[in-house]
N, C-alpha and C. Protein backbone atom coordinates (compact mmCIF):
# COMPACT_ATOMS: atom_id res chain seq x y z
N MET A 1 88.27 93.65 100.88
CA MET A 1 89.35 92.66 100.01
C MET A 1 89.69 91.44 101.35
N THR A 2 89.91 90.56 100.32
CA THR A 2 90.09 89.33 101.49
C THR A 2 91.65 88.86 100.63
N THR A 3 92.21 88.08 101.51
CA THR A 3 93.72 87.54 101.13
C THR A 3 93.51 86.00 100.05
N ASP A 4 92.05 85.49 99.99
CA ASP A 4 92.37 83.98 99.62
C ASP A 4 92.63 83.97 98.11
N ALA A 5 92.24 84.99 97.24
CA ALA A 5 92.92 85.11 95.69
C ALA A 5 93.33 86.42 95.01
N PRO A 6 94.51 86.40 94.79
CA PRO A 6 94.98 87.43 94.67
C PRO A 6 94.32 88.20 93.03
N ALA A 7 94.66 89.46 93.38
CA ALA A 7 94.18 90.28 92.41
C ALA A 7 94.78 91.26 92.02
N THR A 8 95.14 90.66 90.04
CA THR A 8 96.14 91.46 89.36
C THR A 8 95.41 93.07 89.08
N LEU A 9 96.58 93.85 88.45
CA LEU A 9 96.66 96.11 88.27
C LEU A 9 96.41 95.26 87.15
N PRO A 10 95.63 96.64 86.00
CA PRO A 10 95.58 95.86 84.81
C PRO A 10 96.61 95.87 83.89
N ASP A 11 97.99 96.05 84.30
CA ASP A 11 98.85 95.09 83.18
C ASP A 11 99.15 93.75 84.14
N GLY A 12 98.83 93.06 84.69
CA GLY A 12 99.06 92.21 84.93
C GLY A 12 99.95 91.81 86.09
N ARG A 13 100.50 92.18 86.67
CA ARG A 13 101.13 92.12 87.51
C ARG A 13 99.80 91.61 89.07
N PRO A 14 100.47 90.51 89.57
CA PRO A 14 99.93 90.67 91.19
C PRO A 14 99.81 92.07 92.21
N LEU A 15 98.63 91.98 92.45
CA LEU A 15 98.73 92.88 93.55
C LEU A 15 99.29 92.59 94.60
N PRO A 16 100.63 93.23 95.71
CA PRO A 16 100.53 91.99 96.65
C PRO A 16 99.55 92.38 97.49
N LEU A 17 99.55 90.94 98.07
CA LEU A 17 98.08 91.35 99.62
C LEU A 17 98.57 92.75 100.41
N LEU A 18 97.78 92.79 100.57
CA LEU A 18 97.26 93.81 101.52
C LEU A 18 96.33 93.51 103.35
N THR A 19 96.60 92.66 103.46
CA THR A 19 96.39 92.16 104.45
C THR A 19 96.19 90.74 104.14
N GLY A 20 96.82 90.00 106.03
CA GLY A 20 96.51 89.19 105.65
C GLY A 20 98.06 88.40 106.82
N ALA A 21 98.54 87.07 106.67
CA ALA A 21 100.01 86.59 107.56
C ALA A 21 100.65 87.31 106.72
N GLU A 22 101.80 86.80 107.43
CA GLU A 22 103.24 87.88 107.09
C GLU A 22 104.28 87.53 106.05
N ARG A 23 104.50 85.14 106.13
CA ARG A 23 104.81 85.19 104.50
C ARG A 23 104.23 85.39 103.08
N PRO A 24 102.62 84.86 104.02
CA PRO A 24 102.21 85.57 101.92
C PRO A 24 101.86 86.66 101.52
N MET A 25 102.04 88.02 102.43
CA MET A 25 102.55 89.15 102.23
C MET A 25 103.83 89.40 101.63
N LEU A 26 104.47 88.79 102.55
CA LEU A 26 105.72 89.14 101.82
C LEU A 26 106.09 88.24 100.51
N GLU A 27 105.64 86.52 100.29
CA GLU A 27 106.02 86.48 99.20
C GLU A 27 105.12 87.45 97.47
N SER A 28 104.43 87.72 98.12
CA SER A 28 103.47 88.58 97.64
C SER A 28 104.19 89.77 97.01
N TRP A 29 104.85 90.17 97.38
CA TRP A 29 105.74 91.82 97.65
C TRP A 29 106.70 91.06 96.88
N LEU A 30 107.29 89.92 96.40
CA LEU A 30 107.81 89.86 96.09
C LEU A 30 107.75 89.27 94.33
N ASP A 31 107.71 88.47 94.81
CA ASP A 31 106.72 88.29 92.86
C ASP A 31 105.38 89.79 92.52
N PHE A 32 105.31 90.27 93.53
CA PHE A 32 105.33 91.64 91.96
C PHE A 32 106.54 92.47 91.59
N HIS A 33 107.02 92.84 92.44
CA HIS A 33 108.82 93.42 92.38
C HIS A 33 109.54 92.32 91.44
N ARG A 34 108.78 90.99 90.67
CA ARG A 34 109.55 89.66 89.47
C ARG A 34 108.92 90.72 88.89
N ALA A 35 107.12 90.81 88.86
CA ALA A 35 106.82 90.40 87.93
C ALA A 35 106.63 91.53 87.08
N THR A 36 107.03 92.97 88.37
CA THR A 36 107.91 94.94 87.81
C THR A 36 108.75 94.21 86.58
N LEU A 37 110.35 93.70 87.17
CA LEU A 37 111.20 93.30 86.35
C LEU A 37 110.48 92.91 84.47
N GLU A 38 109.66 91.76 84.72
CA GLU A 38 109.41 91.22 83.28
C GLU A 38 108.71 92.32 83.01
N LEU A 39 107.53 92.84 83.74
CA LEU A 39 106.78 93.96 82.62
C LEU A 39 108.00 94.90 81.45
N LYS A 40 108.80 94.72 82.26
CA LYS A 40 110.05 96.70 81.93
C LYS A 40 110.26 95.62 80.28
N CYS A 41 110.81 93.82 80.50
CA CYS A 41 111.67 93.80 79.50
C CYS A 41 109.70 94.00 78.48
N ALA A 42 109.22 93.67 78.42
CA ALA A 42 107.80 93.48 77.50
C ALA A 42 108.45 93.83 76.11
N GLU A 43 108.39 92.56 75.15
CA GLU A 43 108.03 93.91 74.10
C GLU A 43 108.97 94.18 73.42
N LEU A 44 110.34 94.17 73.97
CA LEU A 44 111.68 95.09 73.21
C LEU A 44 112.72 93.53 72.40
N ASP A 45 112.95 93.69 71.81
CA ASP A 45 113.48 93.15 71.46
C ASP A 45 115.86 92.71 71.72
N ASP A 46 116.17 91.89 71.36
CA ASP A 46 117.82 91.81 71.63
C ASP A 46 118.31 92.91 71.52
N ALA A 47 118.57 93.92 70.85
CA ALA A 47 119.68 94.56 70.93
C ALA A 47 118.74 95.91 71.56
N GLN A 48 117.50 96.02 72.10
CA GLN A 48 117.24 97.34 73.41
C GLN A 48 117.38 97.05 74.64
N VAL A 49 117.36 94.95 74.70
CA VAL A 49 117.52 95.26 76.15
C VAL A 49 119.54 95.23 76.10
N ARG A 50 119.78 95.15 75.14
CA ARG A 50 121.47 95.47 75.92
C ARG A 50 122.07 96.97 75.80
N LEU A 51 120.13 97.85 75.18
CA LEU A 51 121.34 99.67 74.93
C LEU A 51 121.38 99.90 76.55
N ALA A 52 122.76 100.36 76.79
CA ALA A 52 122.98 100.41 78.46
C ALA A 52 122.69 101.99 79.22
N SER A 53 122.10 102.34 80.14
CA SER A 53 121.94 103.02 81.08
C SER A 53 122.43 104.77 80.61
N ALA A 54 123.35 105.24 80.27
CA ALA A 54 124.43 105.71 80.75
C ALA A 54 125.35 106.37 80.68
N GLU A 55 126.06 106.30 79.50
CA GLU A 55 127.51 106.11 79.96
C GLU A 55 128.03 106.54 81.34
N PRO A 56 128.73 106.37 82.59
CA PRO A 56 129.71 105.57 82.19
C PRO A 56 129.53 104.50 81.82
N SER A 57 127.80 104.29 82.87
CA SER A 57 127.22 102.90 83.10
C SER A 57 126.98 101.91 82.61
N ALA A 58 127.34 100.60 82.30
CA ALA A 58 127.14 99.64 81.02
C ALA A 58 126.02 98.78 81.75
N LEU A 59 125.26 99.07 82.57
CA LEU A 59 123.94 98.60 83.51
C LEU A 59 122.94 98.80 81.98
N THR A 60 121.96 96.74 81.54
CA THR A 60 121.20 96.99 80.36
C THR A 60 119.12 95.70 81.31
N LEU A 61 119.16 96.03 80.74
CA LEU A 61 118.11 95.24 81.07
C LEU A 61 118.16 93.80 80.90
N LEU A 62 119.44 93.50 80.05
CA LEU A 62 119.86 91.52 79.94
C LEU A 62 120.31 91.69 81.24
N GLY A 63 121.37 92.26 82.00
CA GLY A 63 122.20 92.54 82.36
C GLY A 63 120.92 92.47 84.31
N LEU A 64 120.51 93.28 84.04
CA LEU A 64 119.52 92.99 85.56
C LEU A 64 118.99 91.78 85.75
N VAL A 65 118.70 91.39 84.65
CA VAL A 65 117.34 89.74 84.46
C VAL A 65 118.89 89.31 84.83
N GLN A 66 119.53 88.66 84.13
CA GLN A 66 120.75 87.58 84.46
C GLN A 66 121.37 87.96 86.03
N HIS A 67 121.50 89.16 86.23
CA HIS A 67 122.10 89.85 87.97
C HIS A 67 120.72 88.65 89.12
N LEU A 68 118.89 89.08 88.54
CA LEU A 68 118.70 88.74 89.23
C LEU A 68 118.42 87.64 89.61
N ALA A 69 118.79 86.41 89.03
CA ALA A 69 118.54 84.97 88.13
C ALA A 69 120.04 84.22 88.94
N GLU A 70 121.32 85.37 89.19
CA GLU A 70 121.78 84.93 90.33
C GLU A 70 121.89 85.21 91.58
N VAL A 71 121.10 86.11 91.75
CA VAL A 71 120.27 86.81 93.04
C VAL A 71 119.72 85.90 93.88
N GLU A 72 118.83 85.55 93.31
CA GLU A 72 117.39 84.13 93.10
C GLU A 72 118.31 82.93 94.36
N ARG A 73 119.34 83.24 93.54
CA ARG A 73 120.18 81.37 92.98
C ARG A 73 120.95 81.66 94.64
N ASN A 74 121.41 82.93 94.79
CA ASN A 74 122.58 82.93 96.40
C ASN A 74 121.98 82.82 96.57
N TRP A 75 120.87 83.84 97.38
CA TRP A 75 119.83 83.96 98.59
C TRP A 75 119.02 82.41 98.81
N PHE A 76 118.26 81.51 97.79
CA PHE A 76 117.87 81.29 98.16
C PHE A 76 118.32 79.72 98.57
N GLN A 77 118.53 79.02 97.44
CA GLN A 77 119.68 77.78 97.63
C GLN A 77 120.85 77.99 98.05
N ARG A 78 121.48 79.06 98.06
CA ARG A 78 122.49 78.75 98.57
C ARG A 78 123.06 79.47 100.09
N VAL A 79 122.23 79.79 100.17
CA VAL A 79 122.27 80.69 101.62
C VAL A 79 120.92 80.01 102.84
N VAL A 80 120.25 80.24 102.32
CA VAL A 80 118.81 79.63 102.69
C VAL A 80 119.37 78.12 102.41
N GLY A 81 119.21 77.59 101.29
CA GLY A 81 118.97 76.11 101.36
C GLY A 81 120.40 75.40 101.86
N GLY A 82 121.29 76.27 101.91
CA GLY A 82 123.45 76.21 102.31
C GLY A 82 123.44 74.89 101.05
N LEU A 83 122.73 74.95 99.59
CA LEU A 83 123.67 74.42 98.96
C LEU A 83 125.15 75.26 97.69
N ASP A 84 125.67 74.18 97.11
CA ASP A 84 126.98 74.17 96.87
C ASP A 84 126.38 74.09 95.29
N ALA A 85 125.81 75.98 94.70
CA ALA A 85 125.28 76.17 93.53
C ALA A 85 126.17 77.07 93.01
N PRO A 86 127.18 76.83 91.64
CA PRO A 86 128.05 77.40 91.11
C PRO A 86 126.81 78.79 90.18
N PRO A 87 128.26 79.56 90.21
CA PRO A 87 126.98 80.53 89.44
C PRO A 87 126.06 80.44 87.96
N VAL A 88 125.71 81.25 87.44
CA VAL A 88 124.63 80.32 86.94
C VAL A 88 125.24 81.17 85.46
N PHE A 89 125.38 81.85 85.70
CA PHE A 89 125.90 83.06 84.39
C PHE A 89 127.73 82.45 84.44
N GLU A 90 128.55 83.38 83.42
CA GLU A 90 129.94 82.98 84.20
C GLU A 90 130.50 84.01 85.04
N GLU A 91 130.30 84.61 85.22
CA GLU A 91 130.63 85.88 86.27
C GLU A 91 129.64 85.55 87.27
N PRO A 92 129.44 86.03 88.69
CA PRO A 92 128.59 85.65 89.58
C PRO A 92 127.88 86.93 89.90
N THR A 93 128.18 87.92 89.63
CA THR A 93 127.11 89.10 89.16
C THR A 93 126.29 88.38 88.32
N GLY A 94 126.26 88.47 87.48
CA GLY A 94 125.37 88.09 86.17
C GLY A 94 125.27 89.07 84.99
N TYR A 95 126.17 90.15 85.13
CA TYR A 95 125.54 91.28 84.04
C TYR A 95 125.90 91.40 83.29
N THR A 96 127.45 90.70 83.13
CA THR A 96 128.28 90.60 81.88
C THR A 96 127.03 90.10 80.88
N LEU A 97 127.26 90.45 79.51
CA LEU A 97 126.69 90.03 78.16
C LEU A 97 126.94 88.77 77.93
N SER A 98 126.24 88.44 76.95
CA SER A 98 127.12 86.79 76.36
C SER A 98 126.63 87.42 74.91
N ALA A 99 126.90 87.60 73.67
CA ALA A 99 126.19 87.53 71.72
C ALA A 99 125.63 85.99 71.82
N GLU A 100 125.27 85.47 72.36
CA GLU A 100 125.07 84.10 72.09
C GLU A 100 123.82 84.32 72.63
N ARG A 101 122.85 84.97 74.56
CA ARG A 101 122.23 84.84 74.88
C ARG A 101 121.58 85.82 74.53
N GLY A 102 119.87 85.94 74.88
CA GLY A 102 118.93 86.81 74.44
C GLY A 102 118.41 86.86 75.79
N LEU A 103 117.42 88.04 75.61
CA LEU A 103 116.63 87.77 76.78
C LEU A 103 115.50 86.66 77.08
N ASP A 104 114.72 86.10 76.02
CA ASP A 104 114.48 85.17 76.18
C ASP A 104 115.30 83.34 77.21
N GLU A 105 116.14 82.94 76.30
CA GLU A 105 116.60 82.82 78.31
C GLU A 105 117.54 82.80 79.11
N ALA A 106 117.68 84.41 79.15
CA ALA A 106 118.10 84.56 80.29
C ALA A 106 116.82 85.02 81.11
N LEU A 107 116.09 84.91 80.78
CA LEU A 107 114.28 85.03 81.47
C LEU A 107 113.50 83.22 81.64
N ALA A 108 113.88 82.70 80.80
CA ALA A 108 113.98 80.97 81.17
C ALA A 108 114.63 81.28 82.28
N VAL A 109 115.49 81.15 81.91
CA VAL A 109 116.80 81.45 83.40
C VAL A 109 116.07 81.65 84.31
N TRP A 110 116.01 83.20 84.69
CA TRP A 110 115.03 83.45 85.78
C TRP A 110 114.50 82.96 86.32
N ARG A 111 113.16 82.56 85.93
CA ARG A 111 112.75 81.53 86.32
C ARG A 111 112.24 80.61 86.89
N ARG A 112 112.96 79.84 85.88
CA ARG A 112 113.50 78.31 87.13
C ARG A 112 114.87 78.43 87.76
N GLU A 113 115.47 79.32 88.01
CA GLU A 113 116.25 80.16 90.11
C GLU A 113 114.81 80.78 90.35
N ILE A 114 113.95 81.21 90.14
CA ILE A 114 112.60 82.10 90.87
C ILE A 114 111.58 79.86 91.19
N GLU A 115 111.91 79.00 90.33
CA GLU A 115 111.14 77.95 90.70
C GLU A 115 112.28 77.00 92.34
N ARG A 116 113.32 77.01 91.71
CA ARG A 116 113.93 76.55 91.89
C ARG A 116 113.79 77.41 93.77
N GLY A 117 113.83 78.46 93.66
CA GLY A 117 114.36 79.20 95.35
C GLY A 117 112.61 78.93 96.28
N ARG A 118 111.75 78.83 95.36
CA ARG A 118 110.23 78.43 95.78
C ARG A 118 110.81 77.24 96.71
N GLU A 119 110.85 75.51 95.45
CA GLU A 119 111.07 74.63 96.32
C GLU A 119 111.97 74.56 97.17
N VAL A 120 113.22 74.96 97.20
CA VAL A 120 113.78 75.17 98.70
C VAL A 120 113.65 75.53 100.06
N CYS A 121 112.33 76.35 99.62
CA CYS A 121 111.64 77.16 100.83
C CYS A 121 110.44 76.25 100.83
N VAL A 122 109.84 75.61 100.65
CA VAL A 122 108.66 74.61 100.73
C VAL A 122 109.27 74.06 102.34
N GLY A 123 108.58 74.37 103.04
CA GLY A 123 108.10 73.91 104.38
C GLY A 123 109.40 74.76 104.91
N LEU A 124 109.90 75.74 104.94
CA LEU A 124 110.73 75.90 106.27
C LEU A 124 109.51 77.11 106.73
N ARG A 125 110.19 77.78 107.86
CA ARG A 125 109.20 78.69 109.07
C ARG A 125 110.11 79.71 107.77
N LEU A 126 109.17 81.32 108.53
CA LEU A 126 109.61 82.69 108.23
C LEU A 126 111.34 82.82 108.93
N ASP A 127 111.33 81.96 111.08
CA ASP A 127 112.45 82.25 111.72
C ASP A 127 113.76 81.12 111.23
N ASP A 128 113.57 80.15 110.52
CA ASP A 128 114.83 78.61 109.92
C ASP A 128 115.66 80.14 109.68
N THR A 129 117.20 79.34 109.22
CA THR A 129 118.01 80.15 109.38
C THR A 129 119.23 79.63 108.24
N GLY A 130 119.81 80.06 107.18
CA GLY A 130 121.01 79.74 106.82
C GLY A 130 122.20 81.38 106.75
N ARG A 131 122.75 80.38 106.04
CA ARG A 131 124.83 80.81 105.87
C ARG A 131 124.92 81.87 105.21
N ILE A 132 125.42 83.04 105.53
CA ILE A 132 125.75 83.83 104.22
C ILE A 132 126.95 83.35 103.67
N SER A 133 127.70 82.54 102.77
CA SER A 133 128.63 82.50 101.51
C SER A 133 129.66 82.98 101.52
N ASP A 134 129.34 84.28 101.32
CA ASP A 134 130.68 85.12 99.98
C ASP A 134 130.88 85.86 101.04
N ALA A 135 132.32 86.12 101.29
CA ALA A 135 132.94 87.39 102.49
C ALA A 135 132.05 88.41 101.89
N PRO A 136 132.10 89.78 102.51
CA PRO A 136 132.32 89.77 104.47
C PRO A 136 131.97 89.36 105.24
N MET A 137 130.68 88.68 104.89
CA MET A 137 129.56 88.24 105.45
C MET A 137 129.80 87.13 106.00
N ALA A 138 130.28 86.09 104.82
CA ALA A 138 130.33 84.84 104.76
C ALA A 138 130.55 84.10 106.85
N GLY A 139 129.30 83.17 106.05
CA GLY A 139 129.39 83.03 108.26
C GLY A 139 128.14 83.23 108.92
N VAL A 140 128.05 84.32 108.72
CA VAL A 140 126.89 84.92 108.90
C VAL A 140 125.56 84.20 108.78
N GLU A 141 124.82 84.66 110.03
CA GLU A 141 123.61 83.80 110.29
C GLU A 141 122.15 84.48 109.90
N VAL A 142 121.24 85.09 108.33
CA VAL A 142 120.36 85.09 107.84
C VAL A 142 119.18 84.15 108.17
N SER A 143 117.63 84.74 108.47
CA SER A 143 116.01 83.84 108.85
C SER A 143 115.22 83.57 107.20
N LEU A 144 115.17 83.50 107.07
CA LEU A 144 114.13 82.91 105.69
C LEU A 144 113.69 84.60 105.42
N ARG A 145 112.36 85.11 106.77
CA ARG A 145 112.48 85.88 106.72
C ARG A 145 113.31 87.75 106.55
N TRP A 146 114.71 87.93 106.66
CA TRP A 146 114.41 88.98 106.18
C TRP A 146 115.72 88.69 104.93
N VAL A 147 116.70 87.31 104.34
CA VAL A 147 115.85 86.80 102.98
C VAL A 147 114.77 87.47 102.14
N LEU A 148 113.47 87.16 102.46
CA LEU A 148 112.68 87.54 102.00
C LEU A 148 112.42 89.39 101.60
N ILE A 149 112.88 89.85 103.38
CA ILE A 149 113.30 91.08 102.59
C ILE A 149 113.53 92.10 102.51
N HIS A 150 115.32 90.98 101.90
CA HIS A 150 116.11 91.83 101.32
C HIS A 150 115.81 90.82 99.77
N MET A 151 114.92 90.80 99.49
CA MET A 151 114.38 90.36 97.69
C MET A 151 114.09 91.77 97.99
N ILE A 152 112.96 92.44 98.01
CA ILE A 152 111.73 92.52 98.05
C ILE A 152 113.03 94.21 98.28
N GLU A 153 114.00 93.83 98.79
CA GLU A 153 114.43 95.12 98.84
C GLU A 153 116.05 96.01 97.50
N GLU A 154 116.07 94.27 97.50
CA GLU A 154 116.54 94.14 95.89
C GLU A 154 115.79 94.53 94.57
N TYR A 155 114.99 93.76 94.91
CA TYR A 155 114.02 93.74 92.95
C TYR A 155 113.58 95.71 93.20
N ALA A 156 113.50 96.09 93.99
CA ALA A 156 112.37 97.43 94.44
C ALA A 156 113.60 98.31 93.80
N ARG A 157 114.91 98.44 94.42
CA ARG A 157 116.00 98.63 93.83
C ARG A 157 116.52 98.10 92.04
N HIS A 158 116.18 97.45 91.65
CA HIS A 158 117.05 97.24 90.06
C HIS A 158 116.06 97.63 89.49
N ASN A 159 114.25 97.64 89.70
CA ASN A 159 113.53 97.85 89.58
C ASN A 159 113.20 99.65 88.87
N GLY A 160 113.79 100.06 89.87
CA GLY A 160 113.83 101.73 89.57
C GLY A 160 115.10 101.75 88.01
N HIS A 161 116.27 100.88 88.70
CA HIS A 161 116.99 101.28 87.28
C HIS A 161 116.97 100.88 85.93
N ALA A 162 115.74 99.60 86.14
CA ALA A 162 114.38 98.86 84.89
C ALA A 162 114.01 100.30 84.16
N ASP A 163 113.04 100.72 85.38
CA ASP A 163 112.39 102.21 85.47
C ASP A 163 112.97 103.52 84.51
N ILE A 164 114.50 103.58 84.46
CA ILE A 164 115.35 104.94 83.51
C ILE A 164 115.15 103.41 82.68
N LEU A 165 116.16 102.12 82.21
CA LEU A 165 116.35 101.55 80.91
C LEU A 165 115.45 101.93 80.21
N ARG A 166 114.30 100.85 80.78
CA ARG A 166 113.15 101.46 80.16
C ARG A 166 112.79 102.60 79.47
N GLU A 167 112.67 104.13 79.93
CA GLU A 167 112.42 105.13 79.11
C GLU A 167 113.34 105.41 78.63
N ARG A 168 114.54 104.68 78.69
CA ARG A 168 115.32 105.47 77.60
C ARG A 168 115.68 104.35 76.69
N ILE A 169 115.02 103.16 76.73
CA ILE A 169 115.19 102.50 75.52
C ILE A 169 113.31 102.82 74.49
N ASP A 170 113.16 103.26 74.89
CA ASP A 170 111.05 103.41 73.72
C ASP A 170 110.60 104.61 74.68
N GLY A 171 110.46 105.07 75.78
CA GLY A 171 110.28 106.07 76.12
C GLY A 171 108.91 105.83 76.99
N VAL A 172 108.50 104.03 77.33
CA VAL A 172 107.80 103.82 78.46
C VAL A 172 107.65 104.66 79.52
N THR A 173 107.07 104.54 80.50
CA THR A 173 107.32 104.98 82.16
C THR A 173 106.75 104.43 82.48
N GLY A 174 106.39 104.59 84.23
CA GLY A 174 105.50 103.85 84.56
C GLY A 174 105.38 102.43 85.16
N ALA A 175 104.60 101.43 86.05
CA ALA A 175 104.85 100.60 86.62
C ALA A 175 105.84 100.22 87.24
């Protein structure tokens, strides 16, 4: 297998690179996890993506999409890019749901934040650094490499939550 043309899985997600340079490999794993989140939300209606996992948790698929839009903005625009970017939604975690905002809007915002993050990273090296802006680690310097690894971990963790949510909603498992 070469690293030139990304392969896809039967469900349409990009197969992460198995060989090759470090940055394309990290970016391919992040893209895989992003696609996994989107897959977990596919073919669900607004009521379903608002269904909480299990008491006492209020975690929902819609909340996860909103949260990860905030995470994308925070790590790529604020930390790596040093931009003064306010929260995307009402509060900085993104978990709070609004009756007016459905999945289509939240996914559009999330995709926009992904694209903005990619734009910020164009031309940067993995060793280039930014600074964390929020307490308790405000001022700590991190590399783009660290941010990419952290984002892979963030998505992997939340995709585990999405697995449980989706199974509760309609019994769909896997991926």
